Amino acid sequence: TMLRLMEGKGLVEHVEEGRSFIYTARFSRDDTAKRFLERVFDGMASQLVLSLLRSEQVSSEELARMQVLIREAQKQKRNGEGDKA
């Protein structure tokens, strides 16, 4: 029932194999994250990060990893590699 509801909302699709339905997601993890950012935070990644930080659910290790990812993204932007969308 849940998968049929999700299919009705366009989130999954199915193919029939014999008497079975095989369901697959219609959106990738990145697509879903982008849609979430647009809908909930008006496309402002800084607001998403601020919300995470305020929730105090981000460990020191996660913060360090996020800093590394931000530095990598900045390097890509400077090199013109980050403008692919």
N, C-alpha and C. Protein backbone atom coordinates (compact mmCIF):
# COMPACT_ATOMS: atom_id res chain seq x y z
N THR A 1 0.82 -1.20 0.00
CA THR A 1 0.00 0.00 0.00
C THR A 1 0.87 1.26 0.00
N MET A 2 1.90 1.27 0.83
CA MET A 2 2.77 2.44 0.91
C MET A 2 3.44 2.72 -0.43
N LEU A 3 3.92 1.67 -1.08
CA LEU A 3 4.57 1.87 -2.38
C LEU A 3 3.59 2.36 -3.44
N ARG A 4 2.36 1.89 -3.39
CA ARG A 4 1.35 2.37 -4.35
C ARG A 4 1.07 3.85 -4.13
N LEU A 5 1.01 4.27 -2.86
CA LEU A 5 0.81 5.69 -2.56
C LEU A 5 1.99 6.52 -3.05
N MET A 6 3.20 6.01 -2.82
CA MET A 6 4.39 6.71 -3.28
C MET A 6 4.43 6.79 -4.80
N GLU A 7 3.98 5.73 -5.46
CA GLU A 7 3.93 5.75 -6.91
C GLU A 7 2.93 6.79 -7.40
N GLY A 8 1.81 6.89 -6.72
CA GLY A 8 0.82 7.90 -7.08
C GLY A 8 1.35 9.32 -6.95
N LYS A 9 2.30 9.52 -6.06
CA LYS A 9 2.92 10.83 -5.88
C LYS A 9 4.12 11.03 -6.77
N GLY A 10 4.45 10.02 -7.59
CA GLY A 10 5.55 10.14 -8.53
C GLY A 10 6.93 9.91 -7.92
N LEU A 11 6.99 9.32 -6.74
CA LEU A 11 8.27 9.09 -6.08
C LEU A 11 8.94 7.80 -6.50
N VAL A 12 8.15 6.79 -6.84
CA VAL A 12 8.68 5.51 -7.29
C VAL A 12 7.91 5.09 -8.53
N GLU A 13 8.46 4.11 -9.22
CA GLU A 13 7.76 3.51 -10.37
C GLU A 13 7.98 2.01 -10.29
N HIS A 14 7.18 1.27 -11.03
CA HIS A 14 7.34 -0.18 -10.96
C HIS A 14 7.31 -0.81 -12.35
N VAL A 15 7.89 -2.00 -12.41
CA VAL A 15 7.76 -2.86 -13.59
C VAL A 15 7.27 -4.21 -13.07
N GLU A 16 6.56 -4.89 -13.91
CA GLU A 16 6.04 -6.21 -13.52
C GLU A 16 6.99 -7.28 -14.02
N GLU A 17 7.34 -8.18 -13.14
CA GLU A 17 8.12 -9.36 -13.50
C GLU A 17 7.34 -10.57 -13.03
N GLY A 18 6.68 -11.19 -13.98
CA GLY A 18 5.79 -12.29 -13.61
C GLY A 18 4.64 -11.75 -12.78
N ARG A 19 4.49 -12.30 -11.60
CA ARG A 19 3.42 -11.84 -10.70
C ARG A 19 3.91 -10.83 -9.67
N SER A 20 5.18 -10.40 -9.80
CA SER A 20 5.78 -9.47 -8.85
C SER A 20 5.91 -8.08 -9.44
N PHE A 21 5.81 -7.08 -8.59
CA PHE A 21 6.09 -5.70 -8.97
C PHE A 21 7.45 -5.34 -8.40
N ILE A 22 8.32 -4.81 -9.25
CA ILE A 22 9.64 -4.37 -8.82
C ILE A 22 9.61 -2.84 -8.82
N TYR A 23 9.74 -2.24 -7.63
CA TYR A 23 9.68 -0.79 -7.48
C TYR A 23 11.09 -0.21 -7.44
N THR A 24 11.24 0.95 -8.08
CA THR A 24 12.50 1.68 -8.03
C THR A 24 12.21 3.16 -7.80
N ALA A 25 13.17 3.83 -7.15
CA ALA A 25 13.04 5.26 -6.90
C ALA A 25 13.14 6.03 -8.21
N ARG A 26 12.39 7.11 -8.32
CA ARG A 26 12.44 7.95 -9.51
C ARG A 26 13.48 9.05 -9.38
N PHE A 27 13.98 9.29 -8.17
CA PHE A 27 14.93 10.36 -7.93
C PHE A 27 16.15 9.81 -7.20
N SER A 28 17.32 10.31 -7.54
CA SER A 28 18.54 9.91 -6.85
C SER A 28 18.62 10.62 -5.50
N ARG A 29 19.56 10.20 -4.69
CA ARG A 29 19.77 10.84 -3.39
C ARG A 29 20.10 12.32 -3.57
N ASP A 30 20.95 12.63 -4.57
CA ASP A 30 21.31 14.02 -4.82
C ASP A 30 20.10 14.84 -5.29
N ASP A 31 19.28 14.26 -6.16
CA ASP A 31 18.07 14.95 -6.62
C ASP A 31 17.15 15.24 -5.44
N THR A 32 16.99 14.26 -4.57
CA THR A 32 16.11 14.42 -3.41
C THR A 32 16.64 15.49 -2.48
N ALA A 33 17.95 15.51 -2.24
CA ALA A 33 18.55 16.52 -1.37
C ALA A 33 18.35 17.92 -1.96
N LYS A 34 18.53 18.03 -3.27
CA LYS A 34 18.35 19.32 -3.93
C LYS A 34 16.90 19.81 -3.82
N ARG A 35 15.96 18.91 -4.04
CA ARG A 35 14.54 19.27 -3.92
C ARG A 35 14.19 19.67 -2.49
N PHE A 36 14.75 18.94 -1.51
CA PHE A 36 14.52 19.26 -0.10
C PHE A 36 15.07 20.65 0.22
N LEU A 37 16.29 20.93 -0.23
CA LEU A 37 16.91 22.22 0.02
C LEU A 37 16.06 23.35 -0.58
N GLU A 38 15.57 23.14 -1.79
CA GLU A 38 14.75 24.15 -2.45
C GLU A 38 13.43 24.38 -1.71
N ARG A 39 12.77 23.30 -1.34
CA ARG A 39 11.45 23.41 -0.73
C ARG A 39 11.47 23.89 0.72
N VAL A 40 12.41 23.40 1.49
CA VAL A 40 12.42 23.69 2.92
C VAL A 40 13.24 24.92 3.27
N PHE A 41 14.34 25.13 2.57
CA PHE A 41 15.26 26.22 2.91
C PHE A 41 15.40 27.24 1.78
N ASP A 42 14.46 27.28 0.86
CA ASP A 42 14.48 28.22 -0.26
C ASP A 42 15.81 28.22 -1.01
N GLY A 43 16.45 27.04 -1.08
CA GLY A 43 17.69 26.89 -1.82
C GLY A 43 18.93 27.40 -1.10
N MET A 44 18.79 27.81 0.15
CA MET A 44 19.91 28.38 0.89
C MET A 44 20.59 27.31 1.74
N ALA A 45 21.70 26.79 1.23
CA ALA A 45 22.43 25.74 1.94
C ALA A 45 22.90 26.22 3.30
N SER A 46 23.25 27.50 3.41
CA SER A 46 23.71 28.03 4.70
C SER A 46 22.63 27.90 5.77
N GLN A 47 21.37 28.05 5.38
CA GLN A 47 20.29 27.91 6.35
C GLN A 47 20.12 26.45 6.79
N LEU A 48 20.34 25.53 5.88
CA LEU A 48 20.31 24.11 6.22
C LEU A 48 21.41 23.79 7.22
N VAL A 49 22.62 24.26 6.95
CA VAL A 49 23.75 24.00 7.85
C VAL A 49 23.50 24.64 9.21
N LEU A 50 22.99 25.87 9.22
CA LEU A 50 22.69 26.54 10.48
C LEU A 50 21.67 25.76 11.29
N SER A 51 20.66 25.23 10.62
CA SER A 51 19.65 24.41 11.30
C SER A 51 20.27 23.16 11.91
N LEU A 52 21.17 22.52 11.17
CA LEU A 52 21.86 21.34 11.70
C LEU A 52 22.70 21.69 12.92
N LEU A 53 23.42 22.80 12.83
CA LEU A 53 24.29 23.20 13.94
C LEU A 53 23.48 23.56 15.18
N ARG A 54 22.36 24.22 14.98
CA ARG A 54 21.49 24.58 16.12
C ARG A 54 20.89 23.36 16.79
N SER A 55 20.71 22.29 16.03
CA SER A 55 20.11 21.08 16.61
C SER A 55 21.09 20.34 17.50
N GLU A 56 22.37 20.71 17.42
CA GLU A 56 23.42 20.11 18.23
C GLU A 56 23.54 18.61 18.01
N GLN A 57 23.17 18.14 16.83
CA GLN A 57 23.25 16.73 16.49
C GLN A 57 24.48 16.40 15.65
N VAL A 58 25.33 17.41 15.41
CA VAL A 58 26.50 17.21 14.55
C VAL A 58 27.72 17.00 15.44
N SER A 59 28.38 15.86 15.28
CA SER A 59 29.55 15.54 16.08
C SER A 59 30.76 16.34 15.61
N SER A 60 31.80 16.38 16.42
CA SER A 60 33.05 17.05 16.06
C SER A 60 33.65 16.44 14.81
N GLU A 61 33.53 15.12 14.70
CA GLU A 61 34.06 14.44 13.52
C GLU A 61 33.31 14.85 12.26
N GLU A 62 31.99 14.98 12.38
CA GLU A 62 31.18 15.40 11.23
C GLU A 62 31.52 16.84 10.85
N LEU A 63 31.72 17.70 11.84
CA LEU A 63 32.08 19.08 11.56
C LEU A 63 33.40 19.15 10.81
N ALA A 64 34.37 18.36 11.24
CA ALA A 64 35.68 18.33 10.56
C ALA A 64 35.51 17.86 9.12
N ARG A 65 34.71 16.84 8.90
CA ARG A 65 34.46 16.32 7.54
C ARG A 65 33.77 17.38 6.69
N MET A 66 32.82 18.10 7.27
CA MET A 66 32.13 19.16 6.54
C MET A 66 33.11 20.26 6.13
N GLN A 67 34.05 20.59 7.00
CA GLN A 67 35.05 21.61 6.67
C GLN A 67 35.91 21.17 5.49
N VAL A 68 36.29 19.90 5.48
CA VAL A 68 37.06 19.36 4.36
C VAL A 68 36.24 19.45 3.07
N LEU A 69 34.97 19.06 3.13
CA LEU A 69 34.11 19.11 1.95
C LEU A 69 33.93 20.53 1.44
N ILE A 70 33.81 21.48 2.37
CA ILE A 70 33.66 22.89 1.98
C ILE A 70 34.93 23.38 1.29
N ARG A 71 36.10 23.05 1.83
CA ARG A 71 37.36 23.45 1.20
C ARG A 71 37.48 22.86 -0.20
N GLU A 72 37.10 21.58 -0.35
CA GLU A 72 37.15 20.94 -1.67
C GLU A 72 36.21 21.63 -2.65
N ALA A 73 35.00 21.97 -2.19
CA ALA A 73 34.03 22.65 -3.05
C ALA A 73 34.54 24.03 -3.46
N GLN A 74 35.20 24.73 -2.53
CA GLN A 74 35.76 26.04 -2.86
C GLN A 74 36.85 25.92 -3.92
N LYS A 75 37.69 24.91 -3.81
CA LYS A 75 38.74 24.69 -4.81
C LYS A 75 38.12 24.42 -6.18
N GLN A 76 37.07 23.59 -6.21
CA GLN A 76 36.42 23.27 -7.48
C GLN A 76 35.80 24.52 -8.09
N LYS A 77 35.18 25.36 -7.27
CA LYS A 77 34.58 26.60 -7.78
C LYS A 77 35.64 27.50 -8.38
N ARG A 78 36.78 27.62 -7.68
CA ARG A 78 37.87 28.47 -8.18
C ARG A 78 38.42 27.95 -9.50
N ASN A 79 38.41 26.64 -9.66
CA ASN A 79 38.92 26.02 -10.89
C ASN A 79 37.85 25.91 -11.97
N GLY A 80 36.64 26.40 -11.68
CA GLY A 80 35.57 26.37 -12.67
C GLY A 80 34.91 25.02 -12.83
N GLU A 81 35.17 24.10 -11.90
CA GLU A 81 34.62 22.75 -12.01
C GLU A 81 33.27 22.63 -11.31
N GLY A 82 32.92 23.56 -10.45
CA GLY A 82 31.72 23.42 -9.65
C GLY A 82 30.48 24.00 -10.28
N ASP A 83 30.56 24.50 -11.49
CA ASP A 83 29.41 25.14 -12.13
C ASP A 83 28.56 24.18 -12.93
N LYS A 84 28.78 22.88 -12.76
CA LYS A 84 28.00 21.87 -13.48
C LYS A 84 26.78 21.54 -12.64
N ALA A 85 25.59 21.73 -13.21
CA ALA A 85 24.39 21.42 -12.43
C ALA A 85 23.43 20.59 -13.19
